[in-house]
Amino acid sequence: MARYTGPKSKIARRFREPIFGPDKALERKNYGPGMHGASKRRGKQSEYAVQLMEKQKVKYTYGVLERQFENLFHTASAKEGITGENLLKFLEARLDNAVYRLGIATTRSAARQLVGHKHITVNGNVVNIASYQVKPGDVIAVREKSKSLESITNSVAGRKVNKYSWLEWDAAELSGKFLNYPNRDEIPENIKENLIVELYSK
């Protein structure tokens, strides 16, 4: 399964946001990477560069490759409603993202690994495709024989109250239900989806 395996702090510093989770390197150096550091004067970015950066940021945040992202965008644009919001809803409905949001894994990359290693079920069936689109009413759970896995028990133990209104969590069963697609104002990521729509509209 293809995925980004390069330096995460470098990417976070490029976007100046903790897109892979809390990052001490970003806290110490909240400016882009490079030998000249914060003192380097950067010219004004073109409109295209700003739009491309936003797309790259979303791809890294959700762990989506270029072709997957493009296909998802075309699906979002074909669906009734606002294209940018549809895109974010589909990204949130990815199985790996749902596993992360439920607190079964501490990061999206860890969630992807759990899905790929067949530790997660959807409606009682094992699904090992990270990009699988869950639908309202689907139940996402930890496979019975995987419930004692240390990474899962540690993640669930550190889980706080349910932060997302579109998900329902059952701590006793280590399962959650995807109730509905989230509204745009419920998605916490700092994303300007209109820039991505403009980029693909060129």
C-alpha atoms as a PDB file:
ATOM      1  CA  MET A   1       0.000   0.000   0.000  1.00  0.00           C
ATOM      2  CA  ALA A   2       1.629   3.232  -1.156  1.00  0.00           C
ATOM      3  CA  ARG A   3       1.933   5.984   1.410  1.00  0.00           C
ATOM      4  CA  TYR A   4       4.142   8.919   2.349  1.00  0.00           C
ATOM      5  CA  THR A   5       7.106   7.768   4.446  1.00  0.00           C
ATOM      6  CA  GLY A   6       9.359  10.842   4.274  1.00  0.00           C
ATOM      7  CA  PRO A   7      10.241  13.384   6.982  1.00  0.00           C
ATOM      8  CA  LYS A   8       7.007  14.571   8.601  1.00  0.00           C
ATOM      9  CA  SER A   9       8.384  17.541  10.551  1.00  0.00           C
ATOM     10  CA  LYS A  10       9.766  19.012   7.338  1.00  0.00           C
ATOM     11  CA  ILE A  11       6.355  18.822   5.684  1.00  0.00           C
ATOM     12  CA  ALA A  12       4.624  20.289   8.766  1.00  0.00           C
ATOM     13  CA  ARG A  13       7.082  23.190   8.780  1.00  0.00           C
ATOM     14  CA  ARG A  14       6.462  23.816   5.088  1.00  0.00           C
ATOM     15  CA  PHE A  15       2.767  24.343   5.776  1.00  0.00           C
ATOM     16  CA  ARG A  16       3.380  25.795   9.260  1.00  0.00           C
ATOM     17  CA  GLU A  17       0.701  23.540  10.680  1.00  0.00           C
ATOM     18  CA  PRO A  18       0.867  20.283  12.711  1.00  0.00           C
ATOM     19  CA  ILE A  19      -0.799  18.265   9.941  1.00  0.00           C
ATOM     20  CA  PHE A  20       0.620  14.964  11.231  1.00  0.00           C
ATOM     21  CA  GLY A  21      -0.223  15.690  14.877  1.00  0.00           C
ATOM     22  CA  PRO A  22       1.680  17.476  17.673  1.00  0.00           C
ATOM     23  CA  ASP A  23       5.216  18.250  16.524  1.00  0.00           C
ATOM     24  CA  LYS A  24       7.981  19.645  18.763  1.00  0.00           C
ATOM     25  CA  ALA A  25      10.137  20.539  15.762  1.00  0.00           C
ATOM     26  CA  LEU A  26       7.316  22.730  14.423  1.00  0.00           C
ATOM     27  CA  GLU A  27       6.878  24.378  17.828  1.00  0.00           C
ATOM     28  CA  ARG A  28      10.583  25.273  17.917  1.00  0.00           C
ATOM     29  CA  LYS A  29      10.818  26.357  14.271  1.00  0.00           C
ATOM     30  CA  ASN A  30       7.484  27.684  13.058  1.00  0.00           C
ATOM     31  CA  TYR A  31       8.817  28.603   9.624  1.00  0.00           C
ATOM     32  CA  GLY A  32       9.597  26.798   6.399  1.00  0.00           C
ATOM     33  CA  PRO A  33      12.601  24.445   6.156  1.00  0.00           C
ATOM     34  CA  GLY A  34      15.798  25.531   4.441  1.00  0.00           C
ATOM     35  CA  MET A  35      19.337  26.606   5.188  1.00  0.00           C
ATOM     36  CA  HIS A  36      18.402  30.276   5.561  1.00  0.00           C
ATOM     37  CA  GLY A  37      15.713  29.591   8.145  1.00  0.00           C
ATOM     38  CA  ALA A  38      13.290  32.290   9.221  1.00  0.00           C
ATOM     39  CA  SER A  39      15.461  35.114   7.888  1.00  0.00           C
ATOM     40  CA  LYS A  40      15.046  34.165   4.246  1.00  0.00           C
ATOM     41  CA  ARG A  41      12.767  36.547   2.404  1.00  0.00           C
ATOM     42  CA  ARG A  42      10.372  34.753   0.155  1.00  0.00           C
ATOM     43  CA  GLY A  43       8.789  36.405  -2.849  1.00  0.00           C
ATOM     44  CA  LYS A  44       5.041  36.679  -3.107  1.00  0.00           C
ATOM     45  CA  GLN A  45       3.539  33.362  -4.156  1.00  0.00           C
ATOM     46  CA  SER A  46       1.482  33.153  -7.317  1.00  0.00           C
ATOM     47  CA  GLU A  47      -2.204  32.308  -7.153  1.00  0.00           C
ATOM     48  CA  TYR A  48      -1.462  28.888  -8.627  1.00  0.00           C
ATOM     49  CA  ALA A  49       1.251  28.214  -6.012  1.00  0.00           C
ATOM     50  CA  VAL A  50      -1.135  29.053  -3.157  1.00  0.00           C
ATOM     51  CA  GLN A  51      -3.817  26.762  -4.585  1.00  0.00           C
ATOM     52  CA  LEU A  52      -1.347  23.934  -5.154  1.00  0.00           C
ATOM     53  CA  MET A  53       0.013  24.261  -1.602  1.00  0.00           C
ATOM     54  CA  GLU A  54      -3.509  23.939  -0.215  1.00  0.00           C
ATOM     55  CA  LYS A  55      -4.120  20.776  -2.223  1.00  0.00           C
ATOM     56  CA  GLN A  56      -0.795  19.309  -1.086  1.00  0.00           C
ATOM     57  CA  LYS A  57      -1.632  20.133   2.525  1.00  0.00           C
ATOM     58  CA  VAL A  58      -4.946  18.266   2.318  1.00  0.00           C
ATOM     59  CA  LYS A  59      -3.291  15.270   0.633  1.00  0.00           C
ATOM     60  CA  TYR A  60      -0.673  15.021   3.390  1.00  0.00           C
ATOM     61  CA  THR A  61      -3.252  15.593   6.139  1.00  0.00           C
ATOM     62  CA  TYR A  62      -5.494  12.728   5.032  1.00  0.00           C
ATOM     63  CA  GLY A  63      -2.737  10.538   3.587  1.00  0.00           C
ATOM     64  CA  VAL A  64      -4.178  10.451   0.081  1.00  0.00           C
ATOM     65  CA  LEU A  65      -2.127   9.952  -3.083  1.00  0.00           C
ATOM     66  CA  GLU A  66      -2.513  12.106  -6.198  1.00  0.00           C
ATOM     67  CA  ARG A  67      -4.663   9.760  -8.273  1.00  0.00           C
ATOM     68  CA  GLN A  68      -6.919   8.921  -5.316  1.00  0.00           C
ATOM     69  CA  PHE A  69      -7.339  12.619  -4.575  1.00  0.00           C
ATOM     70  CA  GLU A  70      -8.183  13.481  -8.161  1.00  0.00           C
ATOM     71  CA  ASN A  71     -10.767  10.681  -8.379  1.00  0.00           C
ATOM     72  CA  LEU A  72     -12.301  11.815  -5.096  1.00  0.00           C
ATOM     73  CA  PHE A  73     -12.500  15.386  -6.352  1.00  0.00           C
ATOM     74  CA  HIS A  74     -14.310  14.337  -9.538  1.00  0.00           C
ATOM     75  CA  THR A  75     -16.757  12.279  -7.456  1.00  0.00           C
ATOM     76  CA  ALA A  76     -17.344  15.301  -5.207  1.00  0.00           C
ATOM     77  CA  SER A  77     -17.901  17.623  -8.185  1.00  0.00           C
ATOM     78  CA  ALA A  78     -20.440  15.228  -9.713  1.00  0.00           C
ATOM     79  CA  LYS A  79     -22.439  15.091  -6.477  1.00  0.00           C
ATOM     80  CA  GLU A  80     -25.144  17.633  -5.731  1.00  0.00           C
ATOM     81  CA  GLY A  81     -24.028  20.376  -3.378  1.00  0.00           C
ATOM     82  CA  ILE A  82     -20.880  22.452  -2.870  1.00  0.00           C
ATOM     83  CA  THR A  83     -17.901  20.650  -4.424  1.00  0.00           C
ATOM     84  CA  GLY A  84     -15.336  21.686  -1.804  1.00  0.00           C
ATOM     85  CA  GLU A  85     -17.547  20.625   1.079  1.00  0.00           C
ATOM     86  CA  ASN A  86     -18.399  17.349  -0.658  1.00  0.00           C
ATOM     87  CA  LEU A  87     -14.681  16.648  -1.037  1.00  0.00           C
ATOM     88  CA  LEU A  88     -14.035  17.108   2.679  1.00  0.00           C
ATOM     89  CA  LYS A  89     -17.039  14.939   3.548  1.00  0.00           C
ATOM     90  CA  PHE A  90     -15.684  12.108   1.388  1.00  0.00           C
ATOM     91  CA  LEU A  91     -12.240  12.474   2.961  1.00  0.00           C
ATOM     92  CA  GLU A  92     -13.806  12.277   6.416  1.00  0.00           C
ATOM     93  CA  ALA A  93     -15.732   9.155   5.337  1.00  0.00           C
ATOM     94  CA  ARG A  94     -12.541   7.234   4.482  1.00  0.00           C
ATOM     95  CA  LEU A  95     -12.239   4.198   6.734  1.00  0.00           C
ATOM     96  CA  ASP A  96      -8.755   5.097   7.993  1.00  0.00           C
ATOM     97  CA  ASN A  97      -9.940   8.586   8.915  1.00  0.00           C
ATOM     98  CA  ALA A  98     -13.023   7.220  10.711  1.00  0.00           C
ATOM     99  CA  VAL A  99     -10.810   4.846  12.727  1.00  0.00           C
ATOM    100  CA  TYR A 100      -8.621   7.813  13.684  1.00  0.00           C
ATOM    101  CA  ARG A 101     -11.573  10.048  14.572  1.00  0.00           C
ATOM    102  CA  LEU A 102     -13.066   7.311  16.758  1.00  0.00           C
ATOM    103  CA  GLY A 103      -9.842   7.198  18.781  1.00  0.00           C
ATOM    104  CA  ILE A 104      -8.949   3.602  17.885  1.00  0.00           C
ATOM    105  CA  ALA A 105      -5.620   4.951  16.586  1.00  0.00           C
ATOM    106  CA  THR A 106      -3.677   8.051  17.635  1.00  0.00           C
ATOM    107  CA  THR A 107      -2.783   9.135  14.087  1.00  0.00           C
ATOM    108  CA  ARG A 108      -4.183   8.628  10.610  1.00  0.00           C
ATOM    109  CA  SER A 109      -1.079   6.693   9.557  1.00  0.00           C
ATOM    110  CA  ALA A 110      -1.535   4.349  12.535  1.00  0.00           C
ATOM    111  CA  ALA A 111      -5.186   3.955  11.582  1.00  0.00           C
ATOM    112  CA  ARG A 112      -4.159   3.097   8.021  1.00  0.00           C
ATOM    113  CA  GLN A 113      -1.859   0.410   9.363  1.00  0.00           C
ATOM    114  CA  LEU A 114      -4.616  -1.113  11.535  1.00  0.00           C
ATOM    115  CA  VAL A 115      -6.938  -1.256   8.532  1.00  0.00           C
ATOM    116  CA  GLY A 116      -4.249  -2.726   6.268  1.00  0.00           C
ATOM    117  CA  HIS A 117      -3.418  -5.430   8.830  1.00  0.00           C
ATOM    118  CA  LYS A 118      -7.069  -6.500   9.026  1.00  0.00           C
ATOM    119  CA  HIS A 119      -7.755  -5.370  12.589  1.00  0.00           C
ATOM    120  CA  ILE A 120     -10.890  -3.402  11.627  1.00  0.00           C
ATOM    121  CA  THR A 121     -14.365  -4.522  10.591  1.00  0.00           C
ATOM    122  CA  VAL A 122     -17.245  -2.674   8.954  1.00  0.00           C
ATOM    123  CA  ASN A 123     -20.681  -4.085   9.723  1.00  0.00           C
ATOM    124  CA  GLY A 124     -19.016  -7.277  10.973  1.00  0.00           C
ATOM    125  CA  ASN A 125     -16.855  -7.859   7.887  1.00  0.00           C
ATOM    126  CA  VAL A 126     -13.091  -7.331   7.820  1.00  0.00           C
ATOM    127  CA  VAL A 127     -12.136  -4.466   5.494  1.00  0.00           C
ATOM    128  CA  ASN A 128      -8.456  -3.848   4.759  1.00  0.00           C
ATOM    129  CA  ILE A 129      -8.827  -0.969   2.286  1.00  0.00           C
ATOM    130  CA  ALA A 130      -7.935   2.356   3.926  1.00  0.00           C
ATOM    131  CA  SER A 131      -9.786   4.384   1.294  1.00  0.00           C
ATOM    132  CA  TYR A 132     -13.037   2.416   1.768  1.00  0.00           C
ATOM    133  CA  GLN A 133     -15.931   4.873   1.973  1.00  0.00           C
ATOM    134  CA  VAL A 134     -18.092   4.320   5.029  1.00  0.00           C
ATOM    135  CA  LYS A 135     -21.732   5.306   4.779  1.00  0.00           C
ATOM    136  CA  PRO A 136     -24.228   6.621   7.333  1.00  0.00           C
ATOM    137  CA  GLY A 137     -25.291   3.762   9.583  1.00  0.00           C
ATOM    138  CA  ASP A 138     -22.092   1.714   9.117  1.00  0.00           C
ATOM    139  CA  VAL A 139     -20.591   0.240  12.275  1.00  0.00           C
ATOM    140  CA  ILE A 140     -16.789   0.353  12.482  1.00  0.00           C
ATOM    141  CA  ALA A 141     -15.264  -1.941  15.079  1.00  0.00           C
ATOM    142  CA  VAL A 142     -12.059  -3.540  16.260  1.00  0.00           C
ATOM    143  CA  ARG A 143     -11.878  -7.178  15.208  1.00  0.00           C
ATOM    144  CA  GLU A 144     -12.531  -9.477  18.190  1.00  0.00           C
ATOM    145  CA  LYS A 145      -9.073 -11.059  18.254  1.00  0.00           C
ATOM    146  CA  SER A 146      -7.418  -7.644  17.893  1.00  0.00           C
ATOM    147  CA  LYS A 147      -9.045  -6.014  20.936  1.00  0.00           C
ATOM    148  CA  SER A 148      -6.063  -6.802  23.154  1.00  0.00           C
ATOM    149  CA  LEU A 149      -3.562  -5.232  20.749  1.00  0.00           C
ATOM    150  CA  GLU A 150      -1.388  -2.857  22.775  1.00  0.00           C
ATOM    151  CA  SER A 151      -1.534   0.041  20.317  1.00  0.00           C
ATOM    152  CA  ILE A 152      -5.334  -0.113  20.317  1.00  0.00           C
ATOM    153  CA  THR A 153      -5.762  -0.450  24.087  1.00  0.00           C
ATOM    154  CA  ASN A 154      -3.351   2.448  24.688  1.00  0.00           C
ATOM    155  CA  SER A 155      -5.110   4.655  22.162  1.00  0.00           C
ATOM    156  CA  VAL A 156      -8.572   3.895  23.523  1.00  0.00           C
ATOM    157  CA  ALA A 157      -7.358   4.385  27.107  1.00  0.00           C
ATOM    158  CA  GLY A 158      -6.216   7.894  26.211  1.00  0.00           C
ATOM    159  CA  ARG A 159      -9.443   8.640  24.376  1.00  0.00           C
ATOM    160  CA  LYS A 160     -11.402  11.642  25.605  1.00  0.00           C
ATOM    161  CA  VAL A 161     -15.119  12.249  25.279  1.00  0.00           C
ATOM    162  CA  ASN A 162     -16.572  11.904  21.806  1.00  0.00           C
ATOM    163  CA  LYS A 163     -15.547  15.114  20.027  1.00  0.00           C
ATOM    164  CA  TYR A 164     -17.356  14.497  16.765  1.00  0.00           C
ATOM    165  CA  SER A 165     -21.121  14.711  16.462  1.00  0.00           C
ATOM    166  CA  TRP A 166     -21.229  12.534  13.332  1.00  0.00           C
ATOM    167  CA  LEU A 167     -19.732   9.547  15.176  1.00  0.00           C
ATOM    168  CA  GLU A 168     -21.083   7.408  18.012  1.00  0.00           C
ATOM    169  CA  TRP A 169     -18.692   5.430  20.223  1.00  0.00           C
ATOM    170  CA  ASP A 170     -19.329   2.242  22.249  1.00  0.00           C
ATOM    171  CA  ALA A 171     -16.389   1.827  24.637  1.00  0.00           C
ATOM    172  CA  ALA A 172     -17.513  -1.597  25.846  1.00  0.00           C
ATOM    173  CA  GLU A 173     -17.572  -3.067  22.340  1.00  0.00           C
ATOM    174  CA  LEU A 174     -14.711  -0.964  20.907  1.00  0.00           C
ATOM    175  CA  SER A 175     -16.982   0.018  18.060  1.00  0.00           C
ATOM    176  CA  GLY A 176     -18.409   3.177  16.600  1.00  0.00           C
ATOM    177  CA  LYS A 177     -21.164   4.158  14.222  1.00  0.00           C
ATOM    178  CA  PHE A 178     -20.817   6.614  11.354  1.00  0.00           C
ATOM    179  CA  LEU A 179     -24.067   8.518  11.871  1.00  0.00           C
ATOM    180  CA  ASN A 180     -23.890  10.982   8.990  1.00  0.00           C
ATOM    181  CA  TYR A 181     -21.528  13.048   6.863  1.00  0.00           C
ATOM    182  CA  PRO A 182     -20.213  15.987   8.912  1.00  0.00           C
ATOM    183  CA  ASN A 183     -21.154  19.563   8.158  1.00  0.00           C
ATOM    184  CA  ARG A 184     -18.302  21.801   7.031  1.00  0.00           C
ATOM    185  CA  ASP A 185     -18.200  23.743  10.318  1.00  0.00           C
ATOM    186  CA  GLU A 186     -17.781  20.474  12.250  1.00  0.00           C
ATOM    187  CA  ILE A 187     -14.540  19.500  10.503  1.00  0.00           C
ATOM    188  CA  PRO A 188     -11.701  20.977  12.612  1.00  0.00           C
ATOM    189  CA  GLU A 189      -8.898  20.965  10.017  1.00  0.00           C
ATOM    190  CA  ASN A 190      -7.727  24.365   8.782  1.00  0.00           C
ATOM    191  CA  ILE A 191      -8.475  23.878   5.088  1.00  0.00           C
ATOM    192  CA  LYS A 192      -9.462  26.388   2.412  1.00  0.00           C
ATOM    193  CA  GLU A 193     -11.240  23.968   0.107  1.00  0.00           C
ATOM    194  CA  ASN A 194     -12.296  26.753  -2.268  1.00  0.00           C
ATOM    195  CA  LEU A 195      -8.646  27.074  -3.356  1.00  0.00           C
ATOM    196  CA  ILE A 196      -8.614  23.410  -4.384  1.00  0.00           C
ATOM    197  CA  VAL A 197     -11.814  23.837  -6.394  1.00  0.00           C
ATOM    198  CA  GLU A 198     -10.266  26.863  -8.129  1.00  0.00           C
ATOM    199  CA  LEU A 199      -7.135  24.840  -8.911  1.00  0.00           C
ATOM    200  CA  TYR A 200      -9.080  22.059 -10.624  1.00  0.00           C
ATOM    201  CA  SER A 201     -11.256  24.589 -12.437  1.00  0.00           C
ATOM    202  CA  LYS A 202      -8.296  25.962 -14.423  1.00  0.00           C
END
